[in-house]
Amino acid sequence: MNEAVGRILPASLHQGIADLLPSRLDFYEEWLNPKAMRDGRIGLAPLAAVLSFLRRDGDAYAFVTARAGEYAAEWTFAELSSLRRACIRAAPVWLRVRLVSQLVRRMALRSYGDCRATVRWKKQTGTLGLSGSLFCVVRERSEQPLCEFYSSAVRRLIRLSGLEVDIVTDVCRATTGAERCGMTLTVREK
C-alpha cells in the first residue's frame, strides 16, 4: 500500500461517484478498483487521475468531492465509541468545536498522509488551514476553489456534533498558488 494514501479517501470518492455519476462508475473503477481499495492498494497516481477526470466532467467535481467529504466525515464519526460521540454532543460549544477539530485533523491525515489540517478558534469563529491537500495539486490554476472535500467534511463533522457552521474558502492553493488552503468557520448552535 502507498502509505500516504489512506483507505477513507478512495472509498469516499468511489461512493460519491456511485451516488452521483452511476453511469460513469465503470470508467472511474479503472482507477478506483474495488478489490484494490479493499486491499489498501490505491496509490497517488490513480487518485490524481480520478480527480483530474472529475475536474473535466463538468460540475461533477464539486458535487462528487462534496459527497465524498460527507462520507469521510460520517465514517470518521461512526468509528468513535458511542460514549465518545455522546460526550462530544453533550460538551459546551467552546469544547465541542475543539473536540471536532481533533477529528478534522485525524480525518485529513487518514485521507492523505501528507495533508495537515490546523484549526484555530477564537470564540465561535475558527480558521482551518490545509497544507498538502491532494485535491489542490493542479498543473494549471483553477478558477474555482477545489477544497470542497474538506469543507464538506468539516461541515458534516460539525453537524454531527449538534452544531451548524458556515464555511468560506478564503484561499485555495489551486486558485492562487499559495502554500496552503484556508477557510473561515463560523459556528452556531442548531
C-alpha atoms as a PDB file:
ATOM      1  CA  MET A   1       0.000   0.000   0.000  1.00  0.00           C
ATOM      2  CA  ASN A   2       1.144   3.519  -0.685  1.00  0.00           C
ATOM      3  CA  GLU A   3       1.363   4.728   2.895  1.00  0.00           C
ATOM      4  CA  ALA A   4       0.461   8.316   2.046  1.00  0.00           C
ATOM      5  CA  VAL A   5      -3.000   7.331   0.779  1.00  0.00           C
ATOM      6  CA  GLY A   6      -5.487   6.166   3.372  1.00  0.00           C
ATOM      7  CA  ARG A   7      -8.459   3.956   2.656  1.00  0.00           C
ATOM      8  CA  ILE A   8     -11.036   6.587   3.503  1.00  0.00           C
ATOM      9  CA  LEU A   9     -10.292   8.872   0.533  1.00  0.00           C
ATOM     10  CA  PRO A  10     -10.563   6.320  -2.304  1.00  0.00           C
ATOM     11  CA  ALA A  11     -13.609   4.708  -0.673  1.00  0.00           C
ATOM     12  CA  SER A  12     -15.430   8.006  -0.156  1.00  0.00           C
ATOM     13  CA  LEU A  13     -14.672   9.158  -3.721  1.00  0.00           C
ATOM     14  CA  HIS A  14     -15.879   5.814  -5.083  1.00  0.00           C
ATOM     15  CA  GLN A  15     -19.112   6.093  -3.105  1.00  0.00           C
ATOM     16  CA  GLY A  16     -19.637   9.692  -4.215  1.00  0.00           C
ATOM     17  CA  ILE A  17     -19.186   8.686  -7.845  1.00  0.00           C
ATOM     18  CA  ALA A  18     -21.533   5.722  -7.404  1.00  0.00           C
ATOM     19  CA  ASP A  19     -24.201   8.022  -5.922  1.00  0.00           C
ATOM     20  CA  LEU A  20     -23.917  10.921  -8.350  1.00  0.00           C
ATOM     21  CA  LEU A  21     -22.405   9.511 -11.549  1.00  0.00           C
ATOM     22  CA  PRO A  22     -23.584   5.891 -11.655  1.00  0.00           C
ATOM     23  CA  SER A  23     -23.334   5.736 -15.443  1.00  0.00           C
ATOM     24  CA  ARG A  24     -19.623   6.730 -15.197  1.00  0.00           C
ATOM     25  CA  LEU A  25     -18.725   4.356 -12.344  1.00  0.00           C
ATOM     26  CA  ASP A  26     -17.210   1.717 -14.656  1.00  0.00           C
ATOM     27  CA  PHE A  27     -14.914   4.377 -16.120  1.00  0.00           C
ATOM     28  CA  TYR A  28     -13.714   5.556 -12.701  1.00  0.00           C
ATOM     29  CA  GLU A  29     -13.289   2.000 -11.421  1.00  0.00           C
ATOM     30  CA  GLU A  30     -10.327   1.708 -13.795  1.00  0.00           C
ATOM     31  CA  TRP A  31      -8.504   3.758 -11.114  1.00  0.00           C
ATOM     32  CA  LEU A  32     -10.666   3.107  -8.048  1.00  0.00           C
ATOM     33  CA  ASN A  33     -10.742  -0.640  -8.348  1.00  0.00           C
ATOM     34  CA  PRO A  34     -12.892  -2.081  -5.516  1.00  0.00           C
ATOM     35  CA  LYS A  35     -10.536  -5.007  -4.871  1.00  0.00           C
ATOM     36  CA  ALA A  36      -7.516  -2.707  -4.710  1.00  0.00           C
ATOM     37  CA  MET A  37      -9.441  -0.422  -2.330  1.00  0.00           C
ATOM     38  CA  ARG A  38     -10.263  -3.340  -0.017  1.00  0.00           C
ATOM     39  CA  ASP A  39      -6.604  -4.361  -0.036  1.00  0.00           C
ATOM     40  CA  GLY A  40      -5.464  -0.766   0.581  1.00  0.00           C
ATOM     41  CA  ARG A  41      -3.551  -0.630  -2.708  1.00  0.00           C
ATOM     42  CA  ILE A  42      -4.811   2.616  -4.231  1.00  0.00           C
ATOM     43  CA  GLY A  43      -1.886   4.951  -4.741  1.00  0.00           C
ATOM     44  CA  LEU A  44      -1.407   8.602  -5.592  1.00  0.00           C
ATOM     45  CA  ALA A  45      -1.404   8.186  -9.375  1.00  0.00           C
ATOM     46  CA  PRO A  46      -4.875   6.598  -9.574  1.00  0.00           C
ATOM     47  CA  LEU A  47      -6.312   9.198  -7.178  1.00  0.00           C
ATOM     48  CA  ALA A  48      -4.744  12.044  -9.130  1.00  0.00           C
ATOM     49  CA  ALA A  49      -6.211  10.576 -12.331  1.00  0.00           C
ATOM     50  CA  VAL A  50      -9.686  10.357 -10.797  1.00  0.00           C
ATOM     51  CA  LEU A  51      -9.538  13.948  -9.565  1.00  0.00           C
ATOM     52  CA  SER A  52      -8.242  15.168 -12.921  1.00  0.00           C
ATOM     53  CA  PHE A  53     -11.018  13.394 -14.830  1.00  0.00           C
ATOM     54  CA  LEU A  54     -13.642  14.646 -12.369  1.00  0.00           C
ATOM     55  CA  ARG A  55     -12.499  18.236 -12.940  1.00  0.00           C
ATOM     56  CA  ARG A  56     -13.125  17.676 -16.672  1.00  0.00           C
ATOM     57  CA  ASP A  57     -16.544  16.131 -16.050  1.00  0.00           C
ATOM     58  CA  GLY A  58     -18.414  19.456 -15.835  1.00  0.00           C
ATOM     59  CA  ASP A  59     -19.963  20.244 -12.470  1.00  0.00           C
ATOM     60  CA  ALA A  60     -19.324  16.703 -11.278  1.00  0.00           C
ATOM     61  CA  TYR A  61     -16.121  17.583  -9.423  1.00  0.00           C
ATOM     62  CA  ALA A  62     -17.757  19.845  -6.844  1.00  0.00           C
ATOM     63  CA  PHE A  63     -20.697  17.526  -6.263  1.00  0.00           C
ATOM     64  CA  VAL A  64     -18.713  14.286  -6.049  1.00  0.00           C
ATOM     65  CA  THR A  65     -15.950  15.668  -3.834  1.00  0.00           C
ATOM     66  CA  ALA A  66     -18.538  17.276  -1.541  1.00  0.00           C
ATOM     67  CA  ARG A  67     -20.387  13.981  -1.218  1.00  0.00           C
ATOM     68  CA  ALA A  68     -17.092  12.158  -0.638  1.00  0.00           C
ATOM     69  CA  GLY A  69     -16.238  14.617   2.149  1.00  0.00           C
ATOM     70  CA  GLU A  70     -19.592  13.941   3.801  1.00  0.00           C
ATOM     71  CA  TYR A  71     -18.955  10.194   3.678  1.00  0.00           C
ATOM     72  CA  ALA A  72     -15.450  10.601   5.091  1.00  0.00           C
ATOM     73  CA  ALA A  73     -16.853  12.673   7.970  1.00  0.00           C
ATOM     74  CA  GLU A  74     -19.672  10.227   8.699  1.00  0.00           C
ATOM     75  CA  TRP A  75     -17.313   7.251   8.691  1.00  0.00           C
ATOM     76  CA  THR A  76     -14.826   9.093  10.907  1.00  0.00           C
ATOM     77  CA  PHE A  77     -17.569   9.980  13.408  1.00  0.00           C
ATOM     78  CA  ALA A  78     -19.068   6.475  13.281  1.00  0.00           C
ATOM     79  CA  GLU A  79     -15.684   4.950  14.209  1.00  0.00           C
ATOM     80  CA  LEU A  80     -15.833   6.707  17.576  1.00  0.00           C
ATOM     81  CA  SER A  81     -17.296   4.837  20.513  1.00  0.00           C
ATOM     82  CA  SER A  82     -20.903   5.694  21.298  1.00  0.00           C
ATOM     83  CA  LEU A  83     -19.705   7.164  24.610  1.00  0.00           C
ATOM     84  CA  ARG A  84     -17.249   9.497  22.858  1.00  0.00           C
ATOM     85  CA  ARG A  85     -19.895  10.604  20.343  1.00  0.00           C
ATOM     86  CA  ALA A  86     -22.297  11.314  23.225  1.00  0.00           C
ATOM     87  CA  CYS A  87     -19.618  13.253  25.133  1.00  0.00           C
ATOM     88  CA  ILE A  88     -18.857  15.391  22.091  1.00  0.00           C
ATOM     89  CA  ARG A  89     -22.540  16.185  21.563  1.00  0.00           C
ATOM     90  CA  ALA A  90     -23.049  16.998  25.260  1.00  0.00           C
ATOM     91  CA  ALA A  91     -19.985  19.228  25.613  1.00  0.00           C
ATOM     92  CA  PRO A  92     -20.371  23.008  25.735  1.00  0.00           C
ATOM     93  CA  VAL A  93     -19.960  24.699  22.353  1.00  0.00           C
ATOM     94  CA  TRP A  94     -16.433  26.014  23.051  1.00  0.00           C
ATOM     95  CA  LEU A  95     -15.217  22.492  23.905  1.00  0.00           C
ATOM     96  CA  ARG A  96     -17.247  20.756  21.210  1.00  0.00           C
ATOM     97  CA  VAL A  97     -15.607  22.728  18.395  1.00  0.00           C
ATOM     98  CA  ARG A  98     -12.182  21.836  19.764  1.00  0.00           C
ATOM     99  CA  LEU A  99     -13.066  18.151  20.001  1.00  0.00           C
ATOM    100  CA  VAL A 100     -14.351  18.212  16.436  1.00  0.00           C
ATOM    101  CA  SER A 101     -11.109  19.955  15.406  1.00  0.00           C
ATOM    102  CA  GLN A 102      -9.205  16.894  16.607  1.00  0.00           C
ATOM    103  CA  LEU A 103     -11.408  14.758  14.359  1.00  0.00           C
ATOM    104  CA  VAL A 104     -10.787  17.090  11.416  1.00  0.00           C
ATOM    105  CA  ARG A 105      -7.018  16.747  11.857  1.00  0.00           C
ATOM    106  CA  ARG A 106      -7.308  12.973  12.164  1.00  0.00           C
ATOM    107  CA  MET A 107      -9.560  12.660   9.119  1.00  0.00           C
ATOM    108  CA  ALA A 108      -7.258  14.835   6.967  1.00  0.00           C
ATOM    109  CA  LEU A 109      -4.247  12.744   7.921  1.00  0.00           C
ATOM    110  CA  ARG A 110      -6.128   9.487   7.339  1.00  0.00           C
ATOM    111  CA  SER A 111      -7.360  10.611   3.927  1.00  0.00           C
ATOM    112  CA  TYR A 112      -3.908  11.532   2.654  1.00  0.00           C
ATOM    113  CA  GLY A 113      -0.820  11.202   4.822  1.00  0.00           C
ATOM    114  CA  ASP A 114       0.825  14.382   3.508  1.00  0.00           C
ATOM    115  CA  CYS A 115      -2.222  16.527   4.302  1.00  0.00           C
ATOM    116  CA  ARG A 116      -2.132  18.503   7.523  1.00  0.00           C
ATOM    117  CA  ALA A 117      -5.092  20.382   8.940  1.00  0.00           C
ATOM    118  CA  THR A 118      -4.754  23.078  11.560  1.00  0.00           C
ATOM    119  CA  VAL A 119      -7.782  24.609  13.222  1.00  0.00           C
ATOM    120  CA  ARG A 120      -7.646  27.653  15.461  1.00  0.00           C
ATOM    121  CA  TRP A 121     -10.647  29.028  17.326  1.00  0.00           C
ATOM    122  CA  LYS A 122     -11.474  32.408  18.782  1.00  0.00           C
ATOM    123  CA  LYS A 123     -14.855  32.054  20.419  1.00  0.00           C
ATOM    124  CA  GLN A 124     -17.116  30.551  17.753  1.00  0.00           C
ATOM    125  CA  THR A 125     -15.075  31.603  14.738  1.00  0.00           C
ATOM    126  CA  GLY A 126     -12.276  29.397  13.511  1.00  0.00           C
ATOM    127  CA  THR A 127      -9.705  29.227  10.787  1.00  0.00           C
ATOM    128  CA  LEU A 128      -8.900  25.989   9.040  1.00  0.00           C
ATOM    129  CA  GLY A 129      -5.574  25.687   7.264  1.00  0.00           C
ATOM    130  CA  LEU A 130      -4.806  22.772   4.952  1.00  0.00           C
ATOM    131  CA  SER A 131      -1.350  22.006   3.676  1.00  0.00           C
ATOM    132  CA  GLY A 132      -0.588  19.155   1.321  1.00  0.00           C
ATOM    133  CA  SER A 133      -4.163  18.686   0.089  1.00  0.00           C
ATOM    134  CA  LEU A 134      -4.190  16.252  -2.812  1.00  0.00           C
ATOM    135  CA  PHE A 135      -7.286  17.990  -4.196  1.00  0.00           C
ATOM    136  CA  CYS A 136      -5.419  21.229  -4.841  1.00  0.00           C
ATOM    137  CA  VAL A 137      -2.445  19.797  -6.711  1.00  0.00           C
ATOM    138  CA  VAL A 138      -3.010  21.051 -10.240  1.00  0.00           C
ATOM    139  CA  ARG A 139      -0.822  21.840 -13.237  1.00  0.00           C
ATOM    140  CA  GLU A 140      -2.767  24.960 -14.156  1.00  0.00           C
ATOM    141  CA  ARG A 141      -4.550  27.241 -11.747  1.00  0.00           C
ATOM    142  CA  SER A 142      -8.223  26.622 -11.267  1.00  0.00           C
ATOM    143  CA  GLU A 143     -10.890  29.299 -11.497  1.00  0.00           C
ATOM    144  CA  GLN A 144     -12.800  27.746  -8.607  1.00  0.00           C
ATOM    145  CA  PRO A 145     -11.510  26.527  -5.233  1.00  0.00           C
ATOM    146  CA  LEU A 146     -11.003  22.756  -5.193  1.00  0.00           C
ATOM    147  CA  CYS A 147     -11.268  22.301  -1.399  1.00  0.00           C
ATOM    148  CA  GLU A 148     -14.865  21.058  -1.413  1.00  0.00           C
ATOM    149  CA  PHE A 149     -13.944  17.644   0.031  1.00  0.00           C
ATOM    150  CA  TYR A 150     -12.576  19.207   3.203  1.00  0.00           C
ATOM    151  CA  SER A 151     -15.157  21.969   3.590  1.00  0.00           C
ATOM    152  CA  SER A 152     -17.979  19.425   3.234  1.00  0.00           C
ATOM    153  CA  ALA A 153     -16.255  17.023   5.627  1.00  0.00           C
ATOM    154  CA  VAL A 154     -15.796  19.732   8.262  1.00  0.00           C
ATOM    155  CA  ARG A 155     -19.383  20.933   7.799  1.00  0.00           C
ATOM    156  CA  ARG A 156     -20.675  17.375   8.265  1.00  0.00           C
ATOM    157  CA  LEU A 157     -18.470  16.646  11.308  1.00  0.00           C
ATOM    158  CA  ILE A 158     -19.662  19.830  12.991  1.00  0.00           C
ATOM    159  CA  ARG A 159     -23.300  18.997  12.194  1.00  0.00           C
ATOM    160  CA  LEU A 160     -22.834  15.505  13.627  1.00  0.00           C
ATOM    161  CA  SER A 161     -21.709  17.184  16.846  1.00  0.00           C
ATOM    162  CA  GLY A 162     -25.012  19.074  17.022  1.00  0.00           C
ATOM    163  CA  LEU A 163     -23.854  22.445  15.674  1.00  0.00           C
ATOM    164  CA  GLU A 164     -24.217  24.343  12.424  1.00  0.00           C
ATOM    165  CA  VAL A 165     -21.365  26.056  10.590  1.00  0.00           C
ATOM    166  CA  ASP A 166     -20.836  28.485   7.749  1.00  0.00           C
ATOM    167  CA  ILE A 167     -17.621  27.874   5.821  1.00  0.00           C
ATOM    168  CA  VAL A 168     -15.951  30.320   3.473  1.00  0.00           C
ATOM    169  CA  THR A 169     -12.893  29.338   1.457  1.00  0.00           C
ATOM    170  CA  ASP A 170     -10.567  32.321   1.794  1.00  0.00           C
ATOM    171  CA  VAL A 171      -7.625  30.948  -0.159  1.00  0.00           C
ATOM    172  CA  CYS A 172      -7.182  27.815  -2.237  1.00  0.00           C
ATOM    173  CA  ARG A 173      -3.805  26.582  -3.369  1.00  0.00           C
ATOM    174  CA  ALA A 174      -5.298  25.552  -6.711  1.00  0.00           C
ATOM    175  CA  THR A 175      -6.581  29.058  -7.498  1.00  0.00           C
ATOM    176  CA  THR A 176      -3.790  31.232  -6.100  1.00  0.00           C
ATOM    177  CA  GLY A 177      -0.695  29.046  -5.928  1.00  0.00           C
ATOM    178  CA  ALA A 178      -0.488  29.700  -2.170  1.00  0.00           C
ATOM    179  CA  GLU A 179       1.310  27.204   0.036  1.00  0.00           C
ATOM    180  CA  ARG A 180      -1.889  26.172   1.775  1.00  0.00           C
ATOM    181  CA  CYS A 181      -5.642  26.424   1.626  1.00  0.00           C
ATOM    182  CA  GLY A 182      -7.520  28.448   4.225  1.00  0.00           C
ATOM    183  CA  MET A 183     -11.126  28.615   5.341  1.00  0.00           C
ATOM    184  CA  THR A 184     -13.091  30.616   7.882  1.00  0.00           C
ATOM    185  CA  LEU A 185     -15.558  28.693  10.030  1.00  0.00           C
ATOM    186  CA  THR A 186     -18.426  30.369  11.878  1.00  0.00           C
ATOM    187  CA  VAL A 187     -20.223  28.009  14.252  1.00  0.00           C
ATOM    188  CA  ARG A 188     -23.707  28.436  15.688  1.00  0.00           C
ATOM    189  CA  GLU A 189     -25.983  26.213  17.723  1.00  0.00           C
ATOM    190  CA  LYS A 190     -28.868  24.489  15.955  1.00  0.00           C
END
